[in-house]
């Protein structure tokens, strides 16, 4: 079955950078939209970014525009989230997820990976 594994989280000072990776097994990213979501302590999970290689679009939540960049390496079945200028408000567990139902036309996750914790200190 499809497996998604997020990695790359850690502790970073405000203003610093991290790059998260989402590696897939038994899944070709070129055929599906892959998204990053996050859940901060005491808050609901929300969308961060999403990419669809087949449809050729990228989406960013307003809170991360200009700071985060999503990219994919289909040969490696990996999606990345480059996070720059990190703020304490970015502290959360970050999850990658795949929309396996829309054929790359939307980013409504149906398969979730394990989260990776990002902690940004003041």
Protein backbone atom coordinates (compact mmCIF):
# COMPACT_ATOMS: atom_id res chain seq x y z
CA UNK A 1 0.00 0.00 0.00
CA UNK A 2 0.95 3.64 -0.34
CA UNK A 3 3.19 4.91 2.45
CA UNK A 4 4.16 8.52 3.09
CA UNK A 5 6.99 9.44 5.43
CA UNK A 6 7.69 13.00 6.54
CA UNK A 7 11.10 13.91 7.89
CA UNK A 8 13.40 16.87 8.43
CA UNK A 9 11.79 18.53 11.41
CA UNK A 10 13.73 19.81 14.36
CA UNK A 11 14.45 22.75 16.59
CA UNK A 12 15.41 26.01 14.93
CA UNK A 13 15.76 29.62 16.00
CA UNK A 14 13.36 32.22 14.65
CA UNK A 15 14.58 33.42 11.28
CA UNK A 16 16.21 30.11 10.48
CA UNK A 17 15.42 27.50 7.87
CA UNK A 18 14.48 23.86 7.59
CA UNK A 19 13.71 21.57 4.69
CA UNK A 20 11.10 18.90 5.15
CA UNK A 21 10.91 15.83 2.96
CA UNK A 22 8.01 13.57 2.13
CA UNK A 23 9.04 10.25 0.65
CA UNK A 24 6.52 7.91 -0.89
CA UNK A 25 6.45 4.20 -1.54
CA UNK A 26 4.21 2.58 -4.13
CA UNK A 27 3.13 6.01 -5.30
CA UNK A 28 4.09 8.12 -8.30
CA UNK A 29 3.86 11.79 -7.31
CA UNK A 30 3.41 12.79 -10.91
CA UNK A 31 -0.11 11.35 -10.80
CA UNK A 32 -1.35 12.91 -7.56
CA UNK A 33 -1.39 16.15 -5.63
CA UNK A 34 0.79 16.11 -2.52
CA UNK A 35 0.26 18.53 0.31
CA UNK A 36 1.80 19.67 3.55
CA UNK A 37 -0.39 20.30 6.57
CA UNK A 38 0.43 21.30 10.10
CA UNK A 39 -1.10 21.17 13.53
CA UNK A 40 0.13 23.57 16.18
CA UNK A 41 -0.34 22.86 19.87
CA UNK A 42 -3.94 23.48 20.84
CA UNK A 43 -5.04 24.20 17.27
CA UNK A 44 -6.73 22.34 14.44
CA UNK A 45 -4.77 20.95 11.53
CA UNK A 46 -4.59 23.26 8.55
CA UNK A 47 -3.13 23.36 5.07
CA UNK A 48 0.32 24.76 4.36
CA UNK A 49 1.11 23.99 0.74
CA UNK A 50 0.24 21.62 -2.06
CA UNK A 51 1.69 20.67 -5.42
CA UNK A 52 0.32 18.85 -8.45
CA UNK A 53 2.92 17.92 -11.02
CA UNK A 54 0.41 16.49 -13.47
CA UNK A 55 -1.82 19.57 -13.43
CA UNK A 56 1.07 22.00 -13.02
CA UNK A 57 -0.08 24.01 -10.04
CA UNK A 58 1.25 24.97 -6.63
CA UNK A 59 -0.69 26.36 -3.70
CA UNK A 60 0.44 28.15 -0.54
CA UNK A 61 -1.45 29.22 2.51
CA UNK A 62 -1.34 32.97 3.01
CA UNK A 63 0.60 32.60 6.23
CA UNK A 64 3.58 31.02 4.47
CA UNK A 65 3.64 32.78 1.10
CA UNK A 66 7.05 34.20 0.36
CA UNK A 67 8.71 32.09 3.03
CA UNK A 68 7.98 28.46 2.14
CA UNK A 69 8.61 26.71 -1.15
CA UNK A 70 7.22 23.35 -2.16
CA UNK A 71 8.91 21.25 -4.81
CA UNK A 72 8.95 17.69 -6.06
CA UNK A 73 11.46 15.23 -7.41
CA UNK A 74 9.37 12.65 -9.18
CA UNK A 75 12.36 10.45 -9.94
CA UNK A 76 12.89 10.08 -6.21
CA UNK A 77 9.19 10.06 -5.32
CA UNK A 78 9.86 12.86 -2.88
CA UNK A 79 8.20 16.20 -2.16
CA UNK A 80 10.05 18.91 -0.26
CA UNK A 81 9.00 21.90 1.77
CA UNK A 82 11.73 24.50 2.10
CA UNK A 83 10.89 26.71 5.06
CA UNK A 84 12.75 29.99 5.39
CA UNK A 85 12.36 32.91 7.78
CA UNK A 86 10.71 30.66 10.30
CA UNK A 87 8.59 32.19 13.02
CA UNK A 88 7.53 30.83 16.40
CA UNK A 89 4.00 30.67 14.96
CA UNK A 90 5.25 28.01 12.54
CA UNK A 91 5.81 25.60 15.41
CA UNK A 92 3.71 22.54 14.69
CA UNK A 93 3.69 18.92 13.70
CA UNK A 94 3.95 18.88 9.92
CA UNK A 95 2.27 16.16 7.89
CA UNK A 96 2.47 15.25 4.25
CA UNK A 97 -0.58 13.83 2.56
CA UNK A 98 -1.72 12.71 -0.86
CA UNK A 99 -4.95 13.25 -2.73
CA UNK A 100 -5.42 9.87 -4.39
CA UNK A 101 -8.93 10.52 -5.70
CA UNK A 102 -8.87 13.61 -7.90
CA UNK A 103 -6.13 12.72 -10.36
CA UNK A 104 -4.11 15.80 -9.47
CA UNK A 105 -6.94 18.30 -9.78
CA UNK A 106 -7.33 19.08 -6.08
CA UNK A 107 -5.61 18.74 -2.73
CA UNK A 108 -8.09 16.94 -0.52
CA UNK A 109 -5.98 14.40 1.36
CA UNK A 110 -7.05 10.79 1.41
CA UNK A 111 -3.71 9.32 2.52
CA UNK A 112 -1.70 10.74 5.40
CA UNK A 113 1.86 10.22 6.46
CA UNK A 114 3.43 10.39 9.87
CA UNK A 115 4.16 13.90 11.07
CA UNK A 116 7.50 15.52 11.82
CA UNK A 117 7.82 18.09 14.58
CA UNK A 118 9.07 21.59 13.83
CA UNK A 119 9.84 23.80 16.81
CA UNK A 120 10.80 27.43 16.27
CA UNK A 121 12.19 29.25 19.27
CA UNK A 122 11.89 32.98 19.88
